[in-house]
């Protein structure tokens, strides 16, 4: 079903969900949204697996930990996650982005987990779209893993640029309101 505004998409998506019908609503460029951010974080972690990056990757939609789960995690759980991420890193280096994406989906139960929650269908679709775009970048343009991470970061920066451009105009207003 096609609609003219994102407002209508939200209304229709919620109505369908209330009746148990899954749907996907277009909400912008997946590369610049949550899916792009989460893939960039996971790929960054895979380039440098250490405690700090493992914790950040854990909170992505790809790995799927919740903040309370991360806070309560024992050292052995974090070590196991780090070990899994190192294996995924090796797979990425050896077999590429497509193999990595499939391994991530199965390792972290992405399909089952996301299809079971409200909005999960759209997020899953976005994550798959980003993975396919990353595969295309590496395959067609011979982008290195670091280049791929940089490409995703640049896409995100393009999205945030208008907000950063407004910041100098907003700062004096905020200062006046505080006074």
Foldseek 3Di string as FASTA:
>chain_A
DDDDDVVVVVVVQVVCVVVVHHDADDDDQLLQDLLVVLVLLLLVCLVPPDQVSLLVNCCRLLQPDDPVCSVPDDPVVSVVSSVVSPVLSVCCVPPNLVSSVVCSCVVRVLVVVLVVDRPSVNSVVSNVVLSVVLRCCCVVVVADSVRSSVVSVVSNCVVCVVVVVCVVVVVVVVVVVVD
